[in-house]
Amino acid sequence: MTGFYLILTVLVDTKIKYFYCDVTSPQSIREAAQAVRDRFGQPSILVNNAGIGTAGSILDQSDQFTEKLFKVNIISHFTLIREFMPDMVKKNKGHIVGLASLASFISPPGMVDYAATKAAVLALHEGWCASKSQSFPINI
């Protein structure tokens, strides 16, 4: 197990349930998403909140860290949206939240890689919002 792990949190009737998954692995995300669906049915709210970052020059970061940063901070959003959005669209009900950062607008010195991922989150959600009125009747 070499990925970045998080607990998928599900709130049902004021009770919190946790599902363990590696957000750097699409297969792990799919398995955790299926466990959520098996236990509770299809969720109508998705909050993409996983994120990592560290200060330093991109010249000092390893390829492995950069890849992990992008997998956690943005690629996991795409995978999770693909897992849960189809049912939201089918039911014409749902909300998707992607947490970006002020770094989406201003890239802090020493955090260029982090800022790039957060700008990608912002672009992802702005793009969906622009197109949702045409074919995606859910709130993003």
C-alpha atoms as a PDB file:
ATOM      1  CA  MET A   1       0.000   0.000   0.000  1.00  0.00           C
ATOM      2  CA  THR A   2       1.884   3.023  -1.274  1.00  0.00           C
ATOM      3  CA  GLY A   3      -0.855   5.519  -2.077  1.00  0.00           C
ATOM      4  CA  PHE A   4      -2.474   8.347  -0.202  1.00  0.00           C
ATOM      5  CA  TYR A   5      -5.254   7.091   1.996  1.00  0.00           C
ATOM      6  CA  LEU A   6      -8.330   8.783   3.248  1.00  0.00           C
ATOM      7  CA  ILE A   7     -11.549   7.866   4.839  1.00  0.00           C
ATOM      8  CA  LEU A   8     -14.676   8.398   2.766  1.00  0.00           C
ATOM      9  CA  THR A   9     -17.148   9.861   5.212  1.00  0.00           C
ATOM     10  CA  VAL A  10     -20.856   9.301   4.800  1.00  0.00           C
ATOM     11  CA  LEU A  11     -23.445  11.101   6.917  1.00  0.00           C
ATOM     12  CA  VAL A  12     -26.743   9.249   7.133  1.00  0.00           C
ATOM     13  CA  ASP A  13     -29.467  10.232   9.577  1.00  0.00           C
ATOM     14  CA  THR A  14     -26.957  12.155  11.734  1.00  0.00           C
ATOM     15  CA  LYS A  15     -24.659   9.126  11.933  1.00  0.00           C
ATOM     16  CA  ILE A  16     -21.202   9.219  10.362  1.00  0.00           C
ATOM     17  CA  LYS A  17     -19.836   6.130   8.640  1.00  0.00           C
ATOM     18  CA  TYR A  18     -16.299   5.769   7.308  1.00  0.00           C
ATOM     19  CA  PHE A  19     -14.986   3.946   4.255  1.00  0.00           C
ATOM     20  CA  TYR A  20     -11.250   3.577   3.746  1.00  0.00           C
ATOM     21  CA  CYS A  21      -9.792   4.170   0.278  1.00  0.00           C
ATOM     22  CA  ASP A  22      -6.640   5.178  -1.576  1.00  0.00           C
ATOM     23  CA  VAL A  23      -7.558   8.249  -3.644  1.00  0.00           C
ATOM     24  CA  THR A  24      -4.499   7.770  -5.849  1.00  0.00           C
ATOM     25  CA  SER A  25      -5.985   4.493  -7.094  1.00  0.00           C
ATOM     26  CA  PRO A  26      -9.052   4.553  -9.367  1.00  0.00           C
ATOM     27  CA  GLN A  27      -9.692   0.899  -8.452  1.00  0.00           C
ATOM     28  CA  SER A  28      -9.681   1.701  -4.732  1.00  0.00           C
ATOM     29  CA  ILE A  29     -12.034   4.639  -5.337  1.00  0.00           C
ATOM     30  CA  ARG A  30     -14.387   2.399  -7.327  1.00  0.00           C
ATOM     31  CA  GLU A  31     -14.359  -0.234  -4.570  1.00  0.00           C
ATOM     32  CA  ALA A  32     -15.043   2.325  -1.824  1.00  0.00           C
ATOM     33  CA  ALA A  33     -17.781   3.949  -3.926  1.00  0.00           C
ATOM     34  CA  GLN A  34     -19.415   0.566  -4.419  1.00  0.00           C
ATOM     35  CA  ALA A  35     -19.231  -0.122  -0.672  1.00  0.00           C
ATOM     36  CA  VAL A  36     -21.019   3.190  -0.054  1.00  0.00           C
ATOM     37  CA  ARG A  37     -23.693   2.340  -2.628  1.00  0.00           C
ATOM     38  CA  ASP A  38     -24.117  -1.185  -1.255  1.00  0.00           C
ATOM     39  CA  ARG A  39     -24.652   0.105   2.269  1.00  0.00           C
ATOM     40  CA  PHE A  40     -26.623   3.319   1.687  1.00  0.00           C
ATOM     41  CA  GLY A  41     -27.635   3.536  -1.953  1.00  0.00           C
ATOM     42  CA  GLN A  42     -26.534   6.316  -4.281  1.00  0.00           C
ATOM     43  CA  PRO A  43     -25.306   9.493  -2.575  1.00  0.00           C
ATOM     44  CA  SER A  44     -26.711  12.824  -3.714  1.00  0.00           C
ATOM     45  CA  ILE A  45     -23.804  14.917  -2.354  1.00  0.00           C
ATOM     46  CA  LEU A  46     -20.109  14.551  -3.141  1.00  0.00           C
ATOM     47  CA  VAL A  47     -17.491  16.713  -1.419  1.00  0.00           C
ATOM     48  CA  ASN A  48     -14.009  16.347  -2.907  1.00  0.00           C
ATOM     49  CA  ASN A  49     -11.825  17.478  -0.007  1.00  0.00           C
ATOM     50  CA  ALA A  50      -8.637  15.412  -0.214  1.00  0.00           C
ATOM     51  CA  GLY A  51      -5.497  17.448  -0.746  1.00  0.00           C
ATOM     52  CA  ILE A  52      -1.786  17.465  -0.088  1.00  0.00           C
ATOM     53  CA  GLY A  53       0.993  19.972  -0.628  1.00  0.00           C
ATOM     54  CA  THR A  54       4.390  21.012   0.584  1.00  0.00           C
ATOM     55  CA  ALA A  55       6.448  24.139   0.229  1.00  0.00           C
ATOM     56  CA  GLY A  56       9.489  23.983  -2.005  1.00  0.00           C
ATOM     57  CA  SER A  57      10.736  24.478  -5.507  1.00  0.00           C
ATOM     58  CA  ILE A  58       9.387  22.204  -8.213  1.00  0.00           C
ATOM     59  CA  LEU A  59      13.048  21.615  -9.047  1.00  0.00           C
ATOM     60  CA  ASP A  60      13.453  19.924  -5.666  1.00  0.00           C
ATOM     61  CA  GLN A  61      10.330  17.729  -5.875  1.00  0.00           C
ATOM     62  CA  SER A  62      10.587  14.162  -7.077  1.00  0.00           C
ATOM     63  CA  ASP A  63       8.544  12.903 -10.000  1.00  0.00           C
ATOM     64  CA  GLN A  64       6.857  10.516  -7.563  1.00  0.00           C
ATOM     65  CA  PHE A  65       5.742  13.355  -5.283  1.00  0.00           C
ATOM     66  CA  THR A  66       4.477  15.445  -8.198  1.00  0.00           C
ATOM     67  CA  GLU A  67       2.502  12.492  -9.525  1.00  0.00           C
ATOM     68  CA  LYS A  68       1.011  11.819  -6.082  1.00  0.00           C
ATOM     69  CA  LEU A  69       0.139  15.509  -5.675  1.00  0.00           C
ATOM     70  CA  PHE A  70      -1.798  15.562  -8.946  1.00  0.00           C
ATOM     71  CA  LYS A  71      -3.477  12.209  -8.278  1.00  0.00           C
ATOM     72  CA  VAL A  72      -4.699  13.326  -4.852  1.00  0.00           C
ATOM     73  CA  ASN A  73      -5.527  16.963  -5.571  1.00  0.00           C
ATOM     74  CA  ILE A  74      -7.226  16.723  -8.970  1.00  0.00           C
ATOM     75  CA  ILE A  75      -7.269  13.332 -10.685  1.00  0.00           C
ATOM     76  CA  SER A  76      -9.224  11.824  -7.785  1.00  0.00           C
ATOM     77  CA  HIS A  77     -11.913  14.486  -8.380  1.00  0.00           C
ATOM     78  CA  PHE A  78     -12.433  13.212 -11.924  1.00  0.00           C
ATOM     79  CA  THR A  79     -12.653   9.599 -10.744  1.00  0.00           C
ATOM     80  CA  LEU A  80     -15.088  10.398  -7.946  1.00  0.00           C
ATOM     81  CA  ILE A  81     -17.268  12.533 -10.217  1.00  0.00           C
ATOM     82  CA  ARG A  82     -17.412   9.678 -12.747  1.00  0.00           C
ATOM     83  CA  GLU A  83     -18.417   7.314  -9.936  1.00  0.00           C
ATOM     84  CA  PHE A  84     -21.249   9.361  -8.454  1.00  0.00           C
ATOM     85  CA  MET A  85     -22.438  11.908 -11.015  1.00  0.00           C
ATOM     86  CA  PRO A  86     -24.239   9.552 -13.429  1.00  0.00           C
ATOM     87  CA  ASP A  87     -26.837   8.635 -10.811  1.00  0.00           C
ATOM     88  CA  MET A  88     -27.227  12.294  -9.793  1.00  0.00           C
ATOM     89  CA  VAL A  89     -27.947  13.199 -13.413  1.00  0.00           C
ATOM     90  CA  LYS A  90     -30.326  10.245 -13.787  1.00  0.00           C
ATOM     91  CA  LYS A  91     -32.280  11.367 -10.696  1.00  0.00           C
ATOM     92  CA  ASN A  92     -31.973  15.061 -11.569  1.00  0.00           C
ATOM     93  CA  LYS A  93     -30.704  15.633  -8.043  1.00  0.00           C
ATOM     94  CA  GLY A  94     -27.266  16.158  -6.595  1.00  0.00           C
ATOM     95  CA  HIS A  95     -24.503  18.427  -5.411  1.00  0.00           C
ATOM     96  CA  ILE A  96     -20.772  18.200  -6.085  1.00  0.00           C
ATOM     97  CA  VAL A  97     -18.311  20.355  -4.164  1.00  0.00           C
ATOM     98  CA  GLY A  98     -14.630  20.602  -5.032  1.00  0.00           C
ATOM     99  CA  LEU A  99     -12.392  22.348  -2.547  1.00  0.00           C
ATOM    100  CA  ALA A 100      -9.822  24.520  -4.248  1.00  0.00           C
ATOM    101  CA  SER A 101      -7.768  27.234  -2.568  1.00  0.00           C
ATOM    102  CA  LEU A 102      -6.748  30.860  -2.835  1.00  0.00           C
ATOM    103  CA  ALA A 103      -3.797  29.305  -4.617  1.00  0.00           C
ATOM    104  CA  SER A 104      -6.224  28.765  -7.510  1.00  0.00           C
ATOM    105  CA  PHE A 105      -5.954  32.499  -8.198  1.00  0.00           C
ATOM    106  CA  ILE A 106      -2.485  33.448  -6.949  1.00  0.00           C
ATOM    107  CA  SER A 107       0.370  30.985  -7.075  1.00  0.00           C
ATOM    108  CA  PRO A 108       2.410  31.377  -3.879  1.00  0.00           C
ATOM    109  CA  PRO A 109       6.200  31.208  -4.240  1.00  0.00           C
ATOM    110  CA  GLY A 110       7.382  27.731  -3.394  1.00  0.00           C
ATOM    111  CA  MET A 111       3.950  26.173  -3.985  1.00  0.00           C
ATOM    112  CA  VAL A 112       3.675  26.256  -7.762  1.00  0.00           C
ATOM    113  CA  ASP A 113       2.809  22.575  -8.071  1.00  0.00           C
ATOM    114  CA  TYR A 114       0.109  22.792  -5.396  1.00  0.00           C
ATOM    115  CA  ALA A 115      -1.329  25.949  -6.967  1.00  0.00           C
ATOM    116  CA  ALA A 116      -1.473  24.230 -10.355  1.00  0.00           C
ATOM    117  CA  THR A 117      -3.614  21.430  -8.923  1.00  0.00           C
ATOM    118  CA  LYS A 118      -5.942  23.854  -7.164  1.00  0.00           C
ATOM    119  CA  ALA A 119      -6.318  25.945 -10.323  1.00  0.00           C
ATOM    120  CA  ALA A 120      -7.270  22.686 -12.051  1.00  0.00           C
ATOM    121  CA  VAL A 121      -9.997  22.059  -9.444  1.00  0.00           C
ATOM    122  CA  LEU A 122     -11.370  25.538 -10.067  1.00  0.00           C
ATOM    123  CA  ALA A 123     -11.258  25.034 -13.854  1.00  0.00           C
ATOM    124  CA  LEU A 124     -12.978  21.648 -13.543  1.00  0.00           C
ATOM    125  CA  HIS A 125     -15.876  23.086 -11.580  1.00  0.00           C
ATOM    126  CA  GLU A 126     -16.178  26.273 -13.611  1.00  0.00           C
ATOM    127  CA  GLY A 127     -16.310  24.176 -16.776  1.00  0.00           C
ATOM    128  CA  TRP A 128     -18.979  21.884 -15.356  1.00  0.00           C
ATOM    129  CA  CYS A 129     -21.009  24.865 -14.170  1.00  0.00           C
ATOM    130  CA  ALA A 130     -20.822  26.427 -17.620  1.00  0.00           C
ATOM    131  CA  SER A 131     -22.029  23.238 -19.299  1.00  0.00           C
ATOM    132  CA  LYS A 132     -24.413  21.910 -16.658  1.00  0.00           C
ATOM    133  CA  SER A 133     -27.333  24.013 -17.771  1.00  0.00           C
ATOM    134  CA  GLN A 134     -27.141  22.252 -21.113  1.00  0.00           C
ATOM    135  CA  SER A 135     -26.964  18.649 -19.971  1.00  0.00           C
ATOM    136  CA  PHE A 136     -26.189  18.241 -16.255  1.00  0.00           C
ATOM    137  CA  PRO A 137     -29.091  19.293 -14.021  1.00  0.00           C
ATOM    138  CA  ILE A 138     -27.165  19.074 -10.738  1.00  0.00           C
ATOM    139  CA  ASN A 139     -25.392  21.654  -8.628  1.00  0.00           C
ATOM    140  CA  ILE A 140     -21.632  21.731  -8.970  1.00  0.00           C
END
